[in-house]
Amino acid sequence: MSVARFVLEFFIAAPPERVFDLARDLDFHQRSLAHTGEQIVGGRRGGLIELDEEVEWQARHLGLRWRLRSRITVLERPHRFTDIQVHGPFASLEHRHLFEPVEGGTRMVDEWEHRAPLGPLGWLADQLFLARHMKRLLEIRNTALKQEAERAATFLPA
């Protein structure tokens, strides 16, 4: 079974603490992916998700309704956090979020890794559309996060 991996990097003109908290803000997450009908259906219901907490999402992707439950397994504010799939459509899923202070703001890095279910059929789906779809969703969310963080930023260089 193959693993799909990709890395996205964004520069955000806001302090790392602001970007970090916005990235784990469940209410913002729902707003930023409203086009998928993304909503919380279990676990933590809103606010900033914390270490060892779980949230269950329901959304419409690729014409189907999906549920995914994830848990925060690493949280080091404001540097990084990791969420993994506890239950959901993937054979496995790990999403690492990294935040590095840089001149004028924050370098935000998403490291995404998943294994599609269903053996060879899942591999084919991954090659044809699944990996591209997931990457595009993260790009949409990160663009919204960048806009929101920069709109509210009061960044003062050290």
N, C-alpha and C. Protein backbone atom coordinates (compact mmCIF):
# COMPACT_ATOMS: atom_id res chain seq x y z
N MET A 1 0.86 -1.19 0.00
CA MET A 1 0.00 0.00 0.00
C MET A 1 0.89 1.24 0.00
N SER A 2 0.67 2.13 -0.96
CA SER A 2 1.50 3.32 -1.08
C SER A 2 1.03 4.42 -0.13
N VAL A 3 1.93 5.32 0.15
CA VAL A 3 1.66 6.45 1.02
C VAL A 3 1.69 7.72 0.18
N ALA A 4 0.67 8.54 0.33
CA ALA A 4 0.65 9.86 -0.32
C ALA A 4 1.21 10.87 0.66
N ARG A 5 2.19 11.64 0.21
CA ARG A 5 2.80 12.66 1.06
C ARG A 5 2.91 13.96 0.28
N PHE A 6 2.67 15.06 0.98
CA PHE A 6 2.97 16.36 0.39
C PHE A 6 3.22 17.37 1.49
N VAL A 7 3.91 18.43 1.13
CA VAL A 7 4.27 19.50 2.06
C VAL A 7 3.82 20.81 1.44
N LEU A 8 3.13 21.62 2.24
CA LEU A 8 2.72 22.96 1.82
C LEU A 8 3.39 23.98 2.74
N GLU A 9 3.89 25.05 2.16
CA GLU A 9 4.50 26.14 2.94
C GLU A 9 3.82 27.45 2.61
N PHE A 10 3.53 28.22 3.66
CA PHE A 10 2.91 29.54 3.52
C PHE A 10 3.67 30.53 4.38
N PHE A 11 3.91 31.72 3.86
CA PHE A 11 4.39 32.83 4.69
C PHE A 11 3.17 33.62 5.12
N ILE A 12 3.10 33.90 6.42
CA ILE A 12 1.97 34.66 6.97
C ILE A 12 2.52 35.83 7.77
N ALA A 13 2.09 37.02 7.43
CA ALA A 13 2.56 38.24 8.10
C ALA A 13 1.79 38.44 9.41
N ALA A 14 2.05 37.52 10.34
CA ALA A 14 1.43 37.55 11.67
C ALA A 14 2.33 36.75 12.59
N PRO A 15 2.27 37.02 13.89
CA PRO A 15 3.14 36.30 14.83
C PRO A 15 2.76 34.81 14.93
N PRO A 16 3.75 33.95 15.22
CA PRO A 16 3.50 32.52 15.30
C PRO A 16 2.37 32.13 16.26
N GLU A 17 2.26 32.81 17.39
CA GLU A 17 1.21 32.48 18.36
C GLU A 17 -0.19 32.65 17.74
N ARG A 18 -0.36 33.72 16.99
CA ARG A 18 -1.64 33.98 16.33
C ARG A 18 -1.95 32.90 15.28
N VAL A 19 -0.96 32.59 14.46
CA VAL A 19 -1.14 31.60 13.40
C VAL A 19 -1.39 30.22 13.99
N PHE A 20 -0.62 29.86 15.01
CA PHE A 20 -0.76 28.56 15.68
C PHE A 20 -2.17 28.39 16.24
N ASP A 21 -2.63 29.39 16.98
CA ASP A 21 -3.96 29.28 17.59
C ASP A 21 -5.07 29.25 16.53
N LEU A 22 -4.93 30.01 15.48
CA LEU A 22 -5.93 30.00 14.42
C LEU A 22 -5.97 28.63 13.72
N ALA A 23 -4.81 27.99 13.57
CA ALA A 23 -4.73 26.69 12.91
C ALA A 23 -5.42 25.59 13.71
N ARG A 24 -5.55 25.77 15.03
CA ARG A 24 -6.22 24.74 15.84
C ARG A 24 -7.58 25.21 16.37
N ASP A 25 -8.07 26.30 15.79
CA ASP A 25 -9.38 26.84 16.15
C ASP A 25 -10.46 26.10 15.36
N LEU A 26 -11.23 25.29 16.05
CA LEU A 26 -12.24 24.45 15.39
C LEU A 26 -13.34 25.28 14.74
N ASP A 27 -13.70 26.40 15.34
CA ASP A 27 -14.73 27.26 14.76
C ASP A 27 -14.24 27.85 13.43
N PHE A 28 -12.99 28.31 13.41
CA PHE A 28 -12.42 28.83 12.16
C PHE A 28 -12.34 27.73 11.11
N HIS A 29 -11.94 26.54 11.51
CA HIS A 29 -11.83 25.41 10.57
C HIS A 29 -13.17 25.16 9.87
N GLN A 30 -14.25 25.18 10.62
CA GLN A 30 -15.58 24.99 10.02
C GLN A 30 -15.90 26.09 9.02
N ARG A 31 -15.59 27.34 9.39
CA ARG A 31 -15.88 28.48 8.49
C ARG A 31 -15.04 28.41 7.22
N SER A 32 -13.77 28.02 7.36
CA SER A 32 -12.87 28.05 6.21
C SER A 32 -13.17 26.97 5.18
N LEU A 33 -13.85 25.91 5.59
CA LEU A 33 -14.22 24.84 4.65
C LEU A 33 -15.73 24.68 4.56
N ALA A 34 -16.44 25.79 4.68
CA ALA A 34 -17.91 25.77 4.65
C ALA A 34 -18.44 25.17 3.36
N HIS A 35 -17.72 25.32 2.26
CA HIS A 35 -18.19 24.79 0.97
C HIS A 35 -18.31 23.27 0.97
N THR A 36 -17.68 22.58 1.92
CA THR A 36 -17.79 21.12 2.01
C THR A 36 -18.87 20.70 2.99
N GLY A 37 -19.52 21.68 3.65
CA GLY A 37 -20.49 21.35 4.69
C GLY A 37 -19.81 20.83 5.94
N GLU A 38 -18.53 21.14 6.10
CA GLU A 38 -17.74 20.66 7.23
C GLU A 38 -18.41 21.08 8.54
N GLN A 39 -18.69 20.09 9.37
CA GLN A 39 -19.27 20.39 10.68
C GLN A 39 -18.79 19.39 11.71
N ILE A 40 -18.75 19.82 12.96
CA ILE A 40 -18.35 18.96 14.06
C ILE A 40 -19.55 18.14 14.50
N VAL A 41 -19.34 16.82 14.61
CA VAL A 41 -20.43 15.93 15.03
C VAL A 41 -20.07 15.11 16.27
N GLY A 42 -18.85 15.28 16.78
CA GLY A 42 -18.46 14.56 17.98
C GLY A 42 -17.17 15.09 18.56
N GLY A 43 -16.89 14.72 19.81
CA GLY A 43 -15.67 15.17 20.48
C GLY A 43 -15.76 16.64 20.85
N ARG A 44 -14.63 17.32 20.83
CA ARG A 44 -14.59 18.75 21.15
C ARG A 44 -15.45 19.50 20.14
N ARG A 45 -16.30 20.39 20.62
CA ARG A 45 -17.30 21.04 19.76
C ARG A 45 -16.91 22.41 19.23
N GLY A 46 -15.84 23.00 19.74
CA GLY A 46 -15.44 24.32 19.26
C GLY A 46 -14.26 24.84 20.05
N GLY A 47 -13.80 26.03 19.71
CA GLY A 47 -12.67 26.64 20.39
C GLY A 47 -11.34 26.03 19.95
N LEU A 48 -10.33 26.20 20.80
CA LEU A 48 -8.98 25.72 20.49
C LEU A 48 -8.81 24.28 20.96
N ILE A 49 -8.56 23.38 20.04
CA ILE A 49 -8.35 21.98 20.41
C ILE A 49 -7.01 21.84 21.12
N GLU A 50 -6.95 20.97 22.10
CA GLU A 50 -5.76 20.79 22.94
C GLU A 50 -5.19 19.38 22.80
N LEU A 51 -4.05 19.16 23.42
CA LEU A 51 -3.38 17.86 23.41
C LEU A 51 -4.30 16.76 23.90
N ASP A 52 -4.32 15.63 23.21
CA ASP A 52 -5.10 14.44 23.52
C ASP A 52 -6.60 14.60 23.33
N GLU A 53 -7.05 15.74 22.83
CA GLU A 53 -8.47 15.90 22.55
C GLU A 53 -8.77 15.37 21.15
N GLU A 54 -10.03 14.97 20.98
CA GLU A 54 -10.49 14.47 19.69
C GLU A 54 -11.64 15.33 19.19
N VAL A 55 -11.78 15.34 17.87
CA VAL A 55 -12.90 16.00 17.22
C VAL A 55 -13.33 15.09 16.07
N GLU A 56 -14.64 15.01 15.87
CA GLU A 56 -15.16 14.23 14.75
C GLU A 56 -15.86 15.17 13.78
N TRP A 57 -15.42 15.08 12.52
CA TRP A 57 -15.92 15.94 11.46
C TRP A 57 -16.81 15.15 10.52
N GLN A 58 -17.79 15.83 9.98
CA GLN A 58 -18.59 15.29 8.89
C GLN A 58 -18.56 16.32 7.77
N ALA A 59 -18.36 15.85 6.54
CA ALA A 59 -18.30 16.76 5.40
C ALA A 59 -18.63 16.00 4.13
N ARG A 60 -18.88 16.75 3.08
CA ARG A 60 -19.13 16.16 1.77
C ARG A 60 -17.90 16.40 0.90
N HIS A 61 -17.31 15.29 0.46
CA HIS A 61 -16.14 15.34 -0.43
C HIS A 61 -16.36 14.34 -1.56
N LEU A 62 -16.03 14.76 -2.75
CA LEU A 62 -16.11 13.88 -3.92
C LEU A 62 -17.50 13.27 -4.07
N GLY A 63 -18.52 14.06 -3.71
CA GLY A 63 -19.90 13.64 -3.88
C GLY A 63 -20.43 12.71 -2.79
N LEU A 64 -19.60 12.41 -1.80
CA LEU A 64 -20.00 11.50 -0.72
C LEU A 64 -19.88 12.19 0.64
N ARG A 65 -20.69 11.74 1.59
CA ARG A 65 -20.59 12.25 2.96
C ARG A 65 -19.60 11.38 3.72
N TRP A 66 -18.62 12.02 4.37
CA TRP A 66 -17.56 11.32 5.10
C TRP A 66 -17.56 11.76 6.56
N ARG A 67 -17.09 10.89 7.41
CA ARG A 67 -16.83 11.21 8.82
C ARG A 67 -15.39 10.86 9.13
N LEU A 68 -14.74 11.74 9.86
CA LEU A 68 -13.36 11.53 10.25
C LEU A 68 -13.17 11.99 11.68
N ARG A 69 -12.65 11.12 12.53
CA ARG A 69 -12.35 11.48 13.92
C ARG A 69 -10.84 11.57 14.05
N SER A 70 -10.35 12.70 14.57
CA SER A 70 -8.91 12.89 14.72
C SER A 70 -8.58 13.26 16.16
N ARG A 71 -7.32 13.00 16.52
CA ARG A 71 -6.82 13.29 17.88
C ARG A 71 -5.52 14.09 17.75
N ILE A 72 -5.36 15.06 18.64
CA ILE A 72 -4.11 15.82 18.72
C ILE A 72 -3.13 14.98 19.55
N THR A 73 -2.02 14.57 18.91
CA THR A 73 -1.05 13.71 19.59
C THR A 73 0.21 14.45 20.01
N VAL A 74 0.46 15.61 19.41
CA VAL A 74 1.60 16.46 19.76
C VAL A 74 1.09 17.88 19.77
N LEU A 75 1.45 18.65 20.80
CA LEU A 75 1.09 20.07 20.83
C LEU A 75 2.15 20.81 21.62
N GLU A 76 2.93 21.63 20.93
CA GLU A 76 3.97 22.46 21.54
C GLU A 76 3.76 23.89 21.06
N ARG A 77 2.94 24.63 21.78
CA ARG A 77 2.60 26.00 21.40
C ARG A 77 3.82 26.90 21.50
N PRO A 78 4.11 27.71 20.53
CA PRO A 78 3.46 27.95 19.25
C PRO A 78 4.22 27.32 18.08
N HIS A 79 4.92 26.21 18.33
CA HIS A 79 5.83 25.65 17.32
C HIS A 79 5.25 24.56 16.43
N ARG A 80 4.45 23.66 17.03
CA ARG A 80 3.95 22.55 16.22
C ARG A 80 2.82 21.82 16.92
N PHE A 81 1.99 21.19 16.10
CA PHE A 81 1.04 20.20 16.60
C PHE A 81 0.78 19.18 15.51
N THR A 82 0.35 18.00 15.93
CA THR A 82 0.09 16.89 15.01
C THR A 82 -1.27 16.31 15.31
N ASP A 83 -2.02 16.04 14.24
CA ASP A 83 -3.27 15.30 14.42
C ASP A 83 -3.21 14.03 13.59
N ILE A 84 -3.83 12.98 14.11
CA ILE A 84 -3.89 11.70 13.42
C ILE A 84 -5.35 11.26 13.33
N GLN A 85 -5.64 10.46 12.33
CA GLN A 85 -6.98 9.89 12.21
C GLN A 85 -7.13 8.77 13.23
N VAL A 86 -8.19 8.83 14.02
CA VAL A 86 -8.54 7.78 14.95
C VAL A 86 -9.50 6.81 14.27
N HIS A 87 -10.41 7.39 13.51
CA HIS A 87 -11.39 6.60 12.75
C HIS A 87 -11.81 7.43 11.55
N GLY A 88 -11.90 6.81 10.38
CA GLY A 88 -12.33 7.57 9.22
C GLY A 88 -12.04 6.86 7.92
N PRO A 89 -12.08 7.61 6.83
CA PRO A 89 -12.02 7.02 5.49
C PRO A 89 -10.64 6.55 5.04
N PHE A 90 -9.59 7.01 5.68
CA PHE A 90 -8.24 6.64 5.26
C PHE A 90 -7.79 5.37 5.99
N ALA A 91 -6.88 4.62 5.38
CA ALA A 91 -6.25 3.51 6.09
C ALA A 91 -5.41 4.09 7.23
N SER A 92 -4.77 5.25 6.99
CA SER A 92 -4.08 6.00 8.04
C SER A 92 -3.93 7.44 7.56
N LEU A 93 -3.78 8.35 8.52
CA LEU A 93 -3.62 9.76 8.22
C LEU A 93 -2.85 10.42 9.36
N GLU A 94 -1.81 11.16 9.00
CA GLU A 94 -1.07 11.98 9.96
C GLU A 94 -0.84 13.34 9.32
N HIS A 95 -1.14 14.40 10.08
CA HIS A 95 -1.02 15.77 9.59
C HIS A 95 -0.22 16.57 10.61
N ARG A 96 1.00 16.96 10.22
CA ARG A 96 1.87 17.74 11.09
C ARG A 96 1.80 19.21 10.68
N HIS A 97 1.65 20.09 11.66
CA HIS A 97 1.56 21.53 11.46
C HIS A 97 2.78 22.16 12.15
N LEU A 98 3.58 22.90 11.40
CA LEU A 98 4.80 23.51 11.95
C LEU A 98 4.74 25.02 11.76
N PHE A 99 5.23 25.77 12.76
CA PHE A 99 5.18 27.23 12.74
C PHE A 99 6.55 27.76 13.15
N GLU A 100 7.18 28.48 12.24
CA GLU A 100 8.53 28.99 12.47
C GLU A 100 8.52 30.51 12.36
N PRO A 101 9.01 31.19 13.42
CA PRO A 101 9.10 32.65 13.31
C PRO A 101 10.17 33.01 12.28
N VAL A 102 9.81 33.93 11.40
CA VAL A 102 10.74 34.45 10.41
C VAL A 102 10.56 35.97 10.38
N GLU A 103 11.47 36.65 9.74
CA GLU A 103 11.39 38.10 9.68
C GLU A 103 10.05 38.52 9.06
N GLY A 104 9.30 39.31 9.81
CA GLY A 104 8.03 39.83 9.33
C GLY A 104 6.84 38.90 9.52
N GLY A 105 7.03 37.75 10.16
CA GLY A 105 5.88 36.88 10.34
C GLY A 105 6.20 35.45 10.69
N THR A 106 5.48 34.53 10.05
CA THR A 106 5.55 33.10 10.37
C THR A 106 5.63 32.29 9.09
N ARG A 107 6.50 31.31 9.11
CA ARG A 107 6.52 30.29 8.04
C ARG A 107 5.70 29.12 8.57
N MET A 108 4.57 28.87 7.93
CA MET A 108 3.70 27.77 8.33
C MET A 108 3.89 26.63 7.34
N VAL A 109 4.12 25.43 7.87
CA VAL A 109 4.36 24.26 7.03
C VAL A 109 3.36 23.17 7.43
N ASP A 110 2.68 22.63 6.43
CA ASP A 110 1.81 21.47 6.61
C ASP A 110 2.50 20.27 6.01
N GLU A 111 2.69 19.22 6.80
CA GLU A 111 3.22 17.96 6.29
C GLU A 111 2.08 16.94 6.39
N TRP A 112 1.59 16.49 5.26
CA TRP A 112 0.43 15.60 5.17
C TRP A 112 0.87 14.24 4.68
N GLU A 113 0.37 13.20 5.33
CA GLU A 113 0.69 11.83 4.90
C GLU A 113 -0.54 10.95 5.13
N HIS A 114 -0.99 10.28 4.08
CA HIS A 114 -2.11 9.36 4.24
C HIS A 114 -1.91 8.10 3.40
N ARG A 115 -2.60 7.06 3.84
CA ARG A 115 -2.70 5.82 3.07
C ARG A 115 -4.17 5.65 2.72
N ALA A 116 -4.44 5.45 1.45
CA ALA A 116 -5.81 5.23 1.02
C ALA A 116 -6.26 3.83 1.41
N PRO A 117 -7.55 3.65 1.65
CA PRO A 117 -8.07 2.31 1.96
C PRO A 117 -8.23 1.49 0.67
N LEU A 118 -8.64 0.28 0.81
CA LEU A 118 -9.06 -0.58 -0.30
C LEU A 118 -7.92 -1.07 -1.20
N GLY A 119 -6.72 -1.17 -0.66
CA GLY A 119 -5.62 -1.77 -1.40
C GLY A 119 -5.39 -1.15 -2.76
N PRO A 120 -5.33 -1.97 -3.83
CA PRO A 120 -5.05 -1.46 -5.16
C PRO A 120 -6.09 -0.44 -5.67
N LEU A 121 -7.36 -0.63 -5.30
CA LEU A 121 -8.38 0.35 -5.70
C LEU A 121 -8.12 1.71 -5.05
N GLY A 122 -7.74 1.69 -3.78
CA GLY A 122 -7.41 2.93 -3.08
C GLY A 122 -6.19 3.60 -3.67
N TRP A 123 -5.19 2.78 -4.03
CA TRP A 123 -3.99 3.32 -4.66
C TRP A 123 -4.36 4.03 -5.96
N LEU A 124 -5.21 3.40 -6.75
CA LEU A 124 -5.63 3.99 -8.03
C LEU A 124 -6.39 5.30 -7.79
N ALA A 125 -7.31 5.29 -6.84
CA ALA A 125 -8.06 6.51 -6.51
C ALA A 125 -7.11 7.62 -6.06
N ASP A 126 -6.10 7.26 -5.27
CA ASP A 126 -5.11 8.24 -4.82
C ASP A 126 -4.38 8.85 -6.01
N GLN A 127 -3.96 8.01 -6.94
CA GLN A 127 -3.22 8.47 -8.11
C GLN A 127 -4.09 9.36 -9.01
N LEU A 128 -5.36 9.01 -9.13
CA LEU A 128 -6.24 9.73 -10.04
C LEU A 128 -6.78 11.03 -9.48
N PHE A 129 -7.14 11.05 -8.16
CA PHE A 129 -7.79 12.26 -7.66
C PHE A 129 -7.69 12.51 -6.16
N LEU A 130 -7.58 11.49 -5.33
CA LEU A 130 -7.68 11.70 -3.87
C LEU A 130 -6.57 12.59 -3.32
N ALA A 131 -5.32 12.27 -3.62
CA ALA A 131 -4.21 13.08 -3.09
C ALA A 131 -4.32 14.53 -3.55
N ARG A 132 -4.66 14.73 -4.83
CA ARG A 132 -4.81 16.09 -5.37
C ARG A 132 -5.95 16.83 -4.66
N HIS A 133 -7.05 16.12 -4.41
CA HIS A 133 -8.19 16.71 -3.72
C HIS A 133 -7.81 17.17 -2.31
N MET A 134 -7.10 16.32 -1.59
CA MET A 134 -6.71 16.67 -0.21
C MET A 134 -5.73 17.85 -0.20
N LYS A 135 -4.81 17.86 -1.13
CA LYS A 135 -3.86 18.97 -1.21
C LYS A 135 -4.60 20.28 -1.49
N ARG A 136 -5.55 20.24 -2.40
CA ARG A 136 -6.33 21.44 -2.74
C ARG A 136 -7.13 21.93 -1.54
N LEU A 137 -7.73 21.02 -0.77
CA LEU A 137 -8.46 21.42 0.44
C LEU A 137 -7.55 22.14 1.43
N LEU A 138 -6.34 21.63 1.62
CA LEU A 138 -5.41 22.29 2.54
C LEU A 138 -4.98 23.65 2.00
N GLU A 139 -4.80 23.76 0.70
CA GLU A 139 -4.44 25.06 0.12
C GLU A 139 -5.56 26.08 0.34
N ILE A 140 -6.80 25.66 0.18
CA ILE A 140 -7.94 26.56 0.42
C ILE A 140 -7.98 26.98 1.88
N ARG A 141 -7.84 26.02 2.78
CA ARG A 141 -7.88 26.32 4.21
C ARG A 141 -6.71 27.23 4.61
N ASN A 142 -5.52 26.94 4.11
CA ASN A 142 -4.36 27.75 4.47
C ASN A 142 -4.44 29.16 3.92
N THR A 143 -5.02 29.33 2.75
CA THR A 143 -5.22 30.66 2.20
C THR A 143 -6.19 31.45 3.08
N ALA A 144 -7.26 30.81 3.53
CA ALA A 144 -8.20 31.47 4.43
C ALA A 144 -7.53 31.79 5.77
N LEU A 145 -6.72 30.88 6.27
CA LEU A 145 -6.01 31.11 7.53
C LEU A 145 -5.05 32.30 7.39
N LYS A 146 -4.33 32.35 6.30
CA LYS A 146 -3.41 33.47 6.04
C LYS A 146 -4.17 34.80 6.03
N GLN A 147 -5.28 34.84 5.30
CA GLN A 147 -6.06 36.07 5.21
C GLN A 147 -6.58 36.50 6.58
N GLU A 148 -7.11 35.54 7.35
CA GLU A 148 -7.65 35.86 8.68
C GLU A 148 -6.55 36.31 9.63
N ALA A 149 -5.43 35.60 9.65
CA ALA A 149 -4.32 35.94 10.56
C ALA A 149 -3.75 37.32 10.23
N GLU A 150 -3.60 37.61 8.94
CA GLU A 150 -3.03 38.89 8.55
C GLU A 150 -4.01 40.03 8.78
N ARG A 151 -5.30 39.76 8.66
CA ARG A 151 -6.32 40.78 8.90
C ARG A 151 -6.29 41.24 10.36
N ALA A 152 -6.08 40.32 11.26
CA ALA A 152 -6.12 40.63 12.69
C ALA A 152 -4.74 40.84 13.28
N ALA A 153 -3.68 40.73 12.46
CA ALA A 153 -2.33 40.76 12.99
C ALA A 153 -1.93 42.15 13.49
N THR A 154 -1.21 42.12 14.58
CA THR A 154 -0.55 43.33 15.11
C THR A 154 0.90 42.94 15.32
N PHE A 155 1.55 42.50 14.25
CA PHE A 155 2.91 41.98 14.34
C PHE A 155 3.91 43.12 14.47
N LEU A 156 4.74 43.01 15.49
CA LEU A 156 5.81 43.98 15.67
C LEU A 156 7.12 43.21 15.66
N PRO A 157 7.99 43.46 14.67
CA PRO A 157 9.28 42.74 14.61
C PRO A 157 10.10 42.95 15.86
N ALA A 158 10.84 41.93 16.23
CA ALA A 158 11.68 42.00 17.44
C ALA A 158 12.89 42.87 17.21
